Amino acid sequence: MPASAVPKMSKADFERLADFRYQLRRFLRFSEEACRDHGITSLQYLLMLQIRGFPGRDWATVGELAERLQAQPHGVVSLISRCEAAGLVKRRTSSDDKRRVEVTLTKKGERCLEPLADLHRAELAGLQDEFALPELDAPYPERAAGRPKEKKPGP
């Protein structure tokens, strides 16, 4: 769609977007402070949450964690190393594929994650009425889900 065909955003659209970002930032600030109070960084919490919450299993690979954290793999390796040094996670070579490294939580990591996840769940429950996606008309249908449309490989 040409830029000229995109409808201009109204003041109400800006207000809804701004409120959504405000509510999101409030939650993230809560998370940062809760993590700090428990002696870890918010990135360490997110890494442990993604390992524990990975669909269908109790481990994840570096590449999977990089995708879930929306980070570069080399940065995730550094984060894993810091968490491993703190005793929160461990790496193991896959028994199925010796080239694959699986990252798992340690008992200490589980003990650290559980109360933080409970706090986050309670905070989200408290924000349920306030924290909602803004109702906007998506001028780009391919981005309606928040992601650019995948390009198919050429011939």
N, C-alpha and C. Protein backbone atom coordinates (compact mmCIF):
# COMPACT_ATOMS: atom_id res chain seq x y z
N MET A 1 0.86 -1.18 0.00
CA MET A 1 0.00 0.00 0.00
C MET A 1 0.90 1.23 0.00
N PRO A 2 0.69 2.13 -0.94
CA PRO A 2 1.51 3.34 -0.98
C PRO A 2 1.30 4.17 0.28
N ALA A 3 2.34 4.88 0.69
CA ALA A 3 2.28 5.68 1.91
C ALA A 3 1.13 6.68 1.87
N SER A 4 0.83 7.21 0.68
CA SER A 4 -0.24 8.19 0.57
C SER A 4 -1.61 7.57 0.83
N ALA A 5 -1.76 6.25 0.66
CA ALA A 5 -3.04 5.58 0.87
C ALA A 5 -3.25 5.17 2.33
N VAL A 6 -2.24 5.29 3.15
CA VAL A 6 -2.36 4.92 4.55
C VAL A 6 -3.11 6.03 5.27
N PRO A 7 -4.21 5.66 5.95
CA PRO A 7 -4.95 6.72 6.66
C PRO A 7 -4.11 7.29 7.80
N LYS A 8 -4.25 8.60 7.99
CA LYS A 8 -3.53 9.25 9.09
C LYS A 8 -4.08 8.76 10.41
N MET A 9 -3.18 8.66 11.37
CA MET A 9 -3.61 8.25 12.71
C MET A 9 -4.31 9.42 13.38
N SER A 10 -5.37 9.09 14.09
CA SER A 10 -6.12 10.12 14.80
C SER A 10 -5.48 10.36 16.17
N LYS A 11 -5.89 11.41 16.82
CA LYS A 11 -5.43 11.69 18.18
C LYS A 11 -5.78 10.51 19.09
N ALA A 12 -6.96 9.95 18.93
CA ALA A 12 -7.38 8.80 19.75
C ALA A 12 -6.46 7.59 19.51
N ASP A 13 -6.02 7.38 18.25
CA ASP A 13 -5.08 6.29 17.95
C ASP A 13 -3.78 6.49 18.72
N PHE A 14 -3.26 7.73 18.69
CA PHE A 14 -2.03 8.02 19.43
C PHE A 14 -2.23 7.81 20.92
N GLU A 15 -3.36 8.23 21.43
CA GLU A 15 -3.63 8.06 22.86
C GLU A 15 -3.69 6.59 23.25
N ARG A 16 -4.33 5.76 22.42
CA ARG A 16 -4.41 4.32 22.71
C ARG A 16 -3.03 3.68 22.66
N LEU A 17 -2.25 4.03 21.64
CA LEU A 17 -0.89 3.49 21.55
C LEU A 17 -0.03 3.94 22.73
N ALA A 18 -0.13 5.20 23.08
CA ALA A 18 0.65 5.73 24.21
C ALA A 18 0.25 5.06 25.51
N ASP A 19 -1.05 4.85 25.72
CA ASP A 19 -1.50 4.19 26.94
C ASP A 19 -1.01 2.75 26.99
N PHE A 20 -1.07 2.05 25.86
CA PHE A 20 -0.57 0.68 25.81
C PHE A 20 0.91 0.62 26.18
N ARG A 21 1.71 1.51 25.58
CA ARG A 21 3.14 1.54 25.88
C ARG A 21 3.38 1.91 27.33
N TYR A 22 2.57 2.79 27.89
CA TYR A 22 2.67 3.16 29.30
C TYR A 22 2.41 1.95 30.19
N GLN A 23 1.34 1.22 29.92
CA GLN A 23 1.01 0.04 30.72
C GLN A 23 2.10 -1.02 30.58
N LEU A 24 2.60 -1.20 29.37
CA LEU A 24 3.68 -2.15 29.14
C LEU A 24 4.93 -1.75 29.93
N ARG A 25 5.26 -0.48 29.90
CA ARG A 25 6.44 0.01 30.63
C ARG A 25 6.27 -0.13 32.13
N ARG A 26 5.06 0.12 32.63
CA ARG A 26 4.80 -0.07 34.06
C ARG A 26 5.06 -1.52 34.46
N PHE A 27 4.58 -2.45 33.64
CA PHE A 27 4.79 -3.86 33.95
C PHE A 27 6.28 -4.21 33.89
N LEU A 28 6.97 -3.72 32.88
CA LEU A 28 8.40 -3.99 32.76
C LEU A 28 9.19 -3.40 33.93
N ARG A 29 8.79 -2.22 34.36
CA ARG A 29 9.47 -1.63 35.52
C ARG A 29 9.22 -2.46 36.77
N PHE A 30 7.98 -2.90 36.97
CA PHE A 30 7.68 -3.81 38.07
C PHE A 30 8.60 -5.02 38.00
N SER A 31 8.73 -5.61 36.82
CA SER A 31 9.54 -6.80 36.62
C SER A 31 11.01 -6.54 36.95
N GLU A 32 11.53 -5.42 36.47
CA GLU A 32 12.92 -5.07 36.74
C GLU A 32 13.17 -4.95 38.24
N GLU A 33 12.25 -4.28 38.94
CA GLU A 33 12.41 -4.10 40.39
C GLU A 33 12.26 -5.42 41.15
N ALA A 34 11.31 -6.25 40.75
CA ALA A 34 11.11 -7.54 41.41
C ALA A 34 12.35 -8.42 41.23
N CYS A 35 12.90 -8.42 40.04
CA CYS A 35 14.12 -9.21 39.78
C CYS A 35 15.28 -8.69 40.62
N ARG A 36 15.45 -7.39 40.64
CA ARG A 36 16.53 -6.79 41.41
C ARG A 36 16.37 -7.15 42.90
N ASP A 37 15.14 -7.11 43.40
CA ASP A 37 14.89 -7.47 44.80
C ASP A 37 15.22 -8.93 45.10
N HIS A 38 15.19 -9.77 44.06
CA HIS A 38 15.52 -11.20 44.22
C HIS A 38 16.97 -11.51 43.81
N GLY A 39 17.75 -10.47 43.55
CA GLY A 39 19.17 -10.65 43.31
C GLY A 39 19.56 -11.09 41.91
N ILE A 40 18.66 -10.92 40.95
CA ILE A 40 19.00 -11.25 39.57
C ILE A 40 18.60 -10.10 38.66
N THR A 41 19.04 -10.16 37.42
CA THR A 41 18.64 -9.15 36.43
C THR A 41 17.36 -9.61 35.74
N SER A 42 16.69 -8.67 35.09
CA SER A 42 15.48 -9.04 34.37
C SER A 42 15.80 -9.98 33.21
N LEU A 43 16.97 -9.83 32.60
CA LEU A 43 17.35 -10.76 31.53
C LEU A 43 17.58 -12.17 32.05
N GLN A 44 18.15 -12.28 33.25
CA GLN A 44 18.32 -13.62 33.84
C GLN A 44 16.95 -14.24 34.10
N TYR A 45 16.01 -13.43 34.61
CA TYR A 45 14.66 -13.93 34.83
C TYR A 45 14.03 -14.39 33.51
N LEU A 46 14.14 -13.57 32.48
CA LEU A 46 13.55 -13.91 31.19
C LEU A 46 14.15 -15.18 30.61
N LEU A 47 15.45 -15.35 30.75
CA LEU A 47 16.09 -16.57 30.26
C LEU A 47 15.52 -17.78 30.99
N MET A 48 15.45 -17.72 32.30
CA MET A 48 14.94 -18.86 33.08
C MET A 48 13.47 -19.11 32.76
N LEU A 49 12.69 -18.05 32.59
CA LEU A 49 11.28 -18.19 32.26
C LEU A 49 11.11 -18.89 30.91
N GLN A 50 11.93 -18.50 29.93
CA GLN A 50 11.83 -19.11 28.61
C GLN A 50 12.27 -20.58 28.62
N ILE A 51 13.23 -20.92 29.45
CA ILE A 51 13.64 -22.33 29.56
C ILE A 51 12.49 -23.12 30.18
N ARG A 52 11.99 -22.65 31.32
CA ARG A 52 10.93 -23.37 32.03
C ARG A 52 9.64 -23.41 31.22
N GLY A 53 9.38 -22.34 30.49
CA GLY A 53 8.14 -22.26 29.73
C GLY A 53 8.25 -22.72 28.29
N PHE A 54 9.39 -23.32 27.91
CA PHE A 54 9.53 -23.74 26.52
C PHE A 54 8.51 -24.84 26.23
N PRO A 55 7.78 -24.73 25.14
CA PRO A 55 6.72 -25.69 24.85
C PRO A 55 7.22 -27.13 24.71
N GLY A 56 6.63 -28.01 25.51
CA GLY A 56 6.84 -29.45 25.34
C GLY A 56 8.07 -30.06 25.97
N ARG A 57 8.93 -29.24 26.59
CA ARG A 57 10.13 -29.83 27.22
C ARG A 57 10.71 -28.87 28.24
N ASP A 58 11.67 -29.37 29.02
CA ASP A 58 12.24 -28.56 30.11
C ASP A 58 13.63 -28.02 29.78
N TRP A 59 13.95 -27.88 28.53
CA TRP A 59 15.23 -27.33 28.08
C TRP A 59 15.00 -26.59 26.77
N ALA A 60 16.00 -25.80 26.37
CA ALA A 60 15.96 -25.10 25.10
C ALA A 60 17.39 -24.93 24.59
N THR A 61 17.51 -24.77 23.30
CA THR A 61 18.82 -24.54 22.70
C THR A 61 19.12 -23.04 22.69
N VAL A 62 20.37 -22.71 22.44
CA VAL A 62 20.76 -21.30 22.36
C VAL A 62 19.96 -20.58 21.28
N GLY A 63 19.82 -21.20 20.12
CA GLY A 63 19.07 -20.58 19.03
C GLY A 63 17.61 -20.34 19.39
N GLU A 64 17.00 -21.32 20.06
CA GLU A 64 15.61 -21.16 20.48
C GLU A 64 15.48 -20.04 21.50
N LEU A 65 16.41 -19.98 22.43
CA LEU A 65 16.37 -18.92 23.45
C LEU A 65 16.61 -17.55 22.81
N ALA A 66 17.51 -17.50 21.83
CA ALA A 66 17.75 -16.22 21.14
C ALA A 66 16.46 -15.74 20.47
N GLU A 67 15.74 -16.63 19.83
CA GLU A 67 14.47 -16.26 19.20
C GLU A 67 13.47 -15.80 20.24
N ARG A 68 13.32 -16.55 21.31
CA ARG A 68 12.32 -16.21 22.34
C ARG A 68 12.66 -14.91 23.05
N LEU A 69 13.95 -14.61 23.19
CA LEU A 69 14.38 -13.36 23.83
C LEU A 69 14.55 -12.22 22.83
N GLN A 70 14.43 -12.54 21.55
CA GLN A 70 14.63 -11.57 20.49
C GLN A 70 16.01 -10.92 20.62
N ALA A 71 17.02 -11.78 20.74
CA ALA A 71 18.40 -11.32 20.93
C ALA A 71 19.32 -12.09 19.99
N GLN A 72 20.52 -11.59 19.84
CA GLN A 72 21.51 -12.27 19.01
C GLN A 72 22.05 -13.49 19.76
N PRO A 73 22.30 -14.59 19.06
CA PRO A 73 22.79 -15.80 19.73
C PRO A 73 24.05 -15.57 20.57
N HIS A 74 25.00 -14.76 20.09
CA HIS A 74 26.23 -14.56 20.88
C HIS A 74 25.94 -13.85 22.19
N GLY A 75 24.94 -12.95 22.19
CA GLY A 75 24.55 -12.29 23.43
C GLY A 75 23.87 -13.25 24.39
N VAL A 76 23.09 -14.18 23.85
CA VAL A 76 22.42 -15.18 24.67
C VAL A 76 23.45 -16.14 25.27
N VAL A 77 24.48 -16.47 24.52
CA VAL A 77 25.56 -17.32 25.06
C VAL A 77 26.19 -16.63 26.27
N SER A 78 26.44 -15.34 26.17
CA SER A 78 27.01 -14.60 27.31
C SER A 78 26.06 -14.61 28.50
N LEU A 79 24.78 -14.42 28.25
CA LEU A 79 23.79 -14.45 29.32
C LEU A 79 23.73 -15.82 29.97
N ILE A 80 23.77 -16.87 29.17
CA ILE A 80 23.77 -18.23 29.69
C ILE A 80 25.02 -18.45 30.55
N SER A 81 26.16 -17.96 30.10
CA SER A 81 27.40 -18.10 30.87
C SER A 81 27.29 -17.41 32.22
N ARG A 82 26.71 -16.21 32.25
CA ARG A 82 26.53 -15.52 33.53
C ARG A 82 25.56 -16.27 34.44
N CYS A 83 24.50 -16.80 33.87
CA CYS A 83 23.53 -17.57 34.67
C CYS A 83 24.15 -18.88 35.15
N GLU A 84 24.97 -19.47 34.32
CA GLU A 84 25.65 -20.71 34.71
C GLU A 84 26.63 -20.44 35.86
N ALA A 85 27.36 -19.34 35.79
CA ALA A 85 28.29 -18.97 36.86
C ALA A 85 27.56 -18.70 38.16
N ALA A 86 26.31 -18.22 38.07
CA ALA A 86 25.49 -17.96 39.26
C ALA A 86 24.78 -19.22 39.75
N GLY A 87 24.95 -20.32 39.01
CA GLY A 87 24.32 -21.58 39.41
C GLY A 87 22.85 -21.70 39.06
N LEU A 88 22.36 -20.87 38.14
CA LEU A 88 20.95 -20.86 37.79
C LEU A 88 20.59 -21.81 36.65
N VAL A 89 21.52 -22.01 35.74
CA VAL A 89 21.29 -22.90 34.59
C VAL A 89 22.52 -23.78 34.39
N LYS A 90 22.33 -24.81 33.59
CA LYS A 90 23.47 -25.63 33.18
C LYS A 90 23.29 -26.01 31.73
N ARG A 91 24.40 -26.27 31.08
CA ARG A 91 24.40 -26.72 29.69
C ARG A 91 24.72 -28.20 29.67
N ARG A 92 24.11 -28.90 28.75
CA ARG A 92 24.43 -30.31 28.56
C ARG A 92 24.37 -30.62 27.07
N THR A 93 25.20 -31.53 26.66
CA THR A 93 25.18 -31.97 25.28
C THR A 93 24.00 -32.91 25.09
N SER A 94 23.29 -32.72 24.01
CA SER A 94 22.12 -33.55 23.72
C SER A 94 22.52 -35.01 23.54
N SER A 95 21.73 -35.91 24.07
CA SER A 95 22.00 -37.34 23.87
C SER A 95 21.58 -37.75 22.45
N ASP A 96 20.66 -36.99 21.83
CA ASP A 96 20.20 -37.30 20.47
C ASP A 96 21.13 -36.76 19.39
N ASP A 97 21.71 -35.61 19.63
CA ASP A 97 22.54 -34.94 18.64
C ASP A 97 23.69 -34.26 19.37
N LYS A 98 24.86 -34.82 19.29
CA LYS A 98 26.02 -34.32 20.04
C LYS A 98 26.41 -32.89 19.67
N ARG A 99 25.90 -32.38 18.56
CA ARG A 99 26.19 -31.00 18.16
C ARG A 99 25.31 -30.00 18.89
N ARG A 100 24.22 -30.49 19.46
CA ARG A 100 23.24 -29.60 20.11
C ARG A 100 23.52 -29.49 21.60
N VAL A 101 23.47 -28.24 22.08
CA VAL A 101 23.62 -27.98 23.52
C VAL A 101 22.24 -27.61 24.06
N GLU A 102 21.85 -28.29 25.12
CA GLU A 102 20.57 -28.04 25.76
C GLU A 102 20.81 -27.25 27.05
N VAL A 103 20.05 -26.20 27.24
CA VAL A 103 20.18 -25.37 28.44
C VAL A 103 19.00 -25.71 29.35
N THR A 104 19.31 -26.05 30.60
CA THR A 104 18.28 -26.42 31.57
C THR A 104 18.44 -25.58 32.83
N LEU A 105 17.39 -25.54 33.62
CA LEU A 105 17.46 -24.88 34.92
C LEU A 105 18.07 -25.83 35.95
N THR A 106 18.82 -25.27 36.86
CA THR A 106 19.29 -26.04 38.02
C THR A 106 18.22 -25.94 39.11
N LYS A 107 18.40 -26.68 40.18
CA LYS A 107 17.47 -26.58 41.32
C LYS A 107 17.47 -25.15 41.85
N LYS A 108 18.66 -24.53 41.93
CA LYS A 108 18.74 -23.14 42.38
C LYS A 108 17.96 -22.22 41.44
N GLY A 109 18.09 -22.45 40.14
CA GLY A 109 17.35 -21.66 39.17
C GLY A 109 15.85 -21.81 39.34
N GLU A 110 15.40 -23.04 39.58
CA GLU A 110 13.97 -23.28 39.80
C GLU A 110 13.49 -22.56 41.06
N ARG A 111 14.29 -22.62 42.13
CA ARG A 111 13.92 -21.94 43.38
C ARG A 111 13.88 -20.43 43.20
N CYS A 112 14.72 -19.91 42.36
CA CYS A 112 14.76 -18.46 42.09
C CYS A 112 13.58 -18.06 41.20
N LEU A 113 13.28 -18.86 40.20
CA LEU A 113 12.25 -18.53 39.22
C LEU A 113 10.84 -18.59 39.79
N GLU A 114 10.55 -19.60 40.58
CA GLU A 114 9.18 -19.84 41.04
C GLU A 114 8.53 -18.63 41.73
N PRO A 115 9.16 -18.04 42.76
CA PRO A 115 8.51 -16.90 43.41
C PRO A 115 8.41 -15.68 42.49
N LEU A 116 9.38 -15.49 41.62
CA LEU A 116 9.32 -14.37 40.69
C LEU A 116 8.19 -14.55 39.69
N ALA A 117 8.02 -15.76 39.18
CA ALA A 117 6.93 -16.02 38.24
C ALA A 117 5.58 -15.81 38.93
N ASP A 118 5.48 -16.23 40.20
CA ASP A 118 4.24 -16.00 40.96
C ASP A 118 3.96 -14.50 41.09
N LEU A 119 5.00 -13.71 41.39
CA LEU A 119 4.83 -12.26 41.49
C LEU A 119 4.36 -11.66 40.16
N HIS A 120 4.96 -12.11 39.07
CA HIS A 120 4.60 -11.60 37.75
C HIS A 120 3.16 -11.97 37.40
N ARG A 121 2.78 -13.19 37.71
CA ARG A 121 1.40 -13.61 37.44
C ARG A 121 0.41 -12.75 38.23
N ALA A 122 0.71 -12.52 39.51
CA ALA A 122 -0.16 -11.69 40.35
C ALA A 122 -0.23 -10.26 39.82
N GLU A 123 0.90 -9.72 39.40
CA GLU A 123 0.91 -8.35 38.86
C GLU A 123 0.08 -8.27 37.58
N LEU A 124 0.22 -9.26 36.70
CA LEU A 124 -0.58 -9.26 35.47
C LEU A 124 -2.06 -9.39 35.78
N ALA A 125 -2.40 -10.22 36.76
CA ALA A 125 -3.81 -10.37 37.14
C ALA A 125 -4.36 -9.03 37.62
N GLY A 126 -3.55 -8.28 38.36
CA GLY A 126 -3.98 -6.98 38.85
C GLY A 126 -4.11 -5.94 37.75
N LEU A 127 -3.40 -6.12 36.67
CA LEU A 127 -3.44 -5.18 35.55
C LEU A 127 -4.45 -5.57 34.48
N GLN A 128 -5.12 -6.70 34.68
CA GLN A 128 -5.97 -7.26 33.64
C GLN A 128 -6.97 -6.26 33.06
N ASP A 129 -7.59 -5.45 33.90
CA ASP A 129 -8.56 -4.49 33.38
C ASP A 129 -7.91 -3.31 32.68
N GLU A 130 -6.69 -2.96 33.10
CA GLU A 130 -6.00 -1.81 32.53
C GLU A 130 -5.17 -2.16 31.30
N PHE A 131 -4.61 -3.34 31.31
CA PHE A 131 -3.64 -3.74 30.29
C PHE A 131 -4.36 -4.47 29.16
N ALA A 132 -4.66 -3.75 28.12
CA ALA A 132 -5.35 -4.34 26.98
C ALA A 132 -4.72 -3.82 25.70
N LEU A 133 -4.80 -4.63 24.67
CA LEU A 133 -4.30 -4.19 23.38
C LEU A 133 -5.19 -3.08 22.85
N PRO A 134 -4.59 -2.04 22.30
CA PRO A 134 -5.41 -0.95 21.77
C PRO A 134 -6.18 -1.42 20.54
N GLU A 135 -7.38 -0.92 20.38
CA GLU A 135 -8.17 -1.24 19.20
C GLU A 135 -7.82 -0.23 18.12
N LEU A 136 -7.11 -0.72 17.12
CA LEU A 136 -6.69 0.13 16.02
C LEU A 136 -6.99 -0.57 14.71
N ASP A 137 -7.27 0.19 13.70
CA ASP A 137 -7.38 -0.38 12.37
C ASP A 137 -5.96 -0.52 11.84
N ALA A 138 -5.62 -1.71 11.39
CA ALA A 138 -4.28 -1.94 10.85
C ALA A 138 -4.24 -1.51 9.39
N PRO A 139 -3.49 -0.45 9.07
CA PRO A 139 -3.44 0.00 7.68
C PRO A 139 -2.67 -0.97 6.78
N TYR A 140 -1.87 -1.84 7.40
CA TYR A 140 -1.11 -2.85 6.65
C TYR A 140 -1.60 -4.21 7.11
N PRO A 141 -2.51 -4.86 6.37
CA PRO A 141 -3.07 -6.14 6.82
C PRO A 141 -2.00 -7.19 7.12
N GLU A 142 -0.90 -7.18 6.39
CA GLU A 142 0.15 -8.18 6.63
C GLU A 142 0.84 -7.97 7.98
N ARG A 143 0.66 -6.82 8.59
CA ARG A 143 1.26 -6.55 9.89
C ARG A 143 0.23 -6.61 11.02
N ALA A 144 -0.96 -7.06 10.72
CA ALA A 144 -2.03 -7.07 11.71
C ALA A 144 -1.65 -7.88 12.94
N ALA A 145 -0.83 -8.90 12.77
CA ALA A 145 -0.41 -9.71 13.91
C ALA A 145 0.85 -9.16 14.53
N GLY A 146 1.32 -8.01 14.07
CA GLY A 146 2.49 -7.39 14.67
C GLY A 146 3.80 -7.79 14.04
N ARG A 147 3.75 -8.58 13.01
CA ARG A 147 4.98 -9.04 12.36
C ARG A 147 4.89 -8.78 10.86
N PRO A 148 6.01 -8.43 10.26
CA PRO A 148 6.00 -8.28 8.81
C PRO A 148 5.68 -9.61 8.15
N LYS A 149 5.03 -9.53 7.02
CA LYS A 149 4.68 -10.73 6.27
C LYS A 149 5.96 -11.42 5.81
N GLU A 150 5.99 -12.75 5.97
CA GLU A 150 7.18 -13.51 5.53
C GLU A 150 7.30 -13.47 4.02
N LYS A 151 8.52 -13.26 3.58
CA LYS A 151 8.78 -13.28 2.15
C LYS A 151 9.08 -14.72 1.74
N LYS A 152 8.45 -15.14 0.66
CA LYS A 152 8.70 -16.49 0.16
C LYS A 152 9.92 -16.45 -0.74
N PRO A 153 10.73 -17.52 -0.68
CA PRO A 153 11.93 -17.54 -1.55
C PRO A 153 11.54 -17.44 -3.01
N GLY A 154 12.36 -16.74 -3.74
CA GLY A 154 12.12 -16.57 -5.16
C GLY A 154 12.41 -17.84 -5.93
N PRO A 155 12.08 -17.85 -7.24
CA PRO A 155 12.27 -19.06 -8.07
C PRO A 155 13.70 -19.46 -8.23
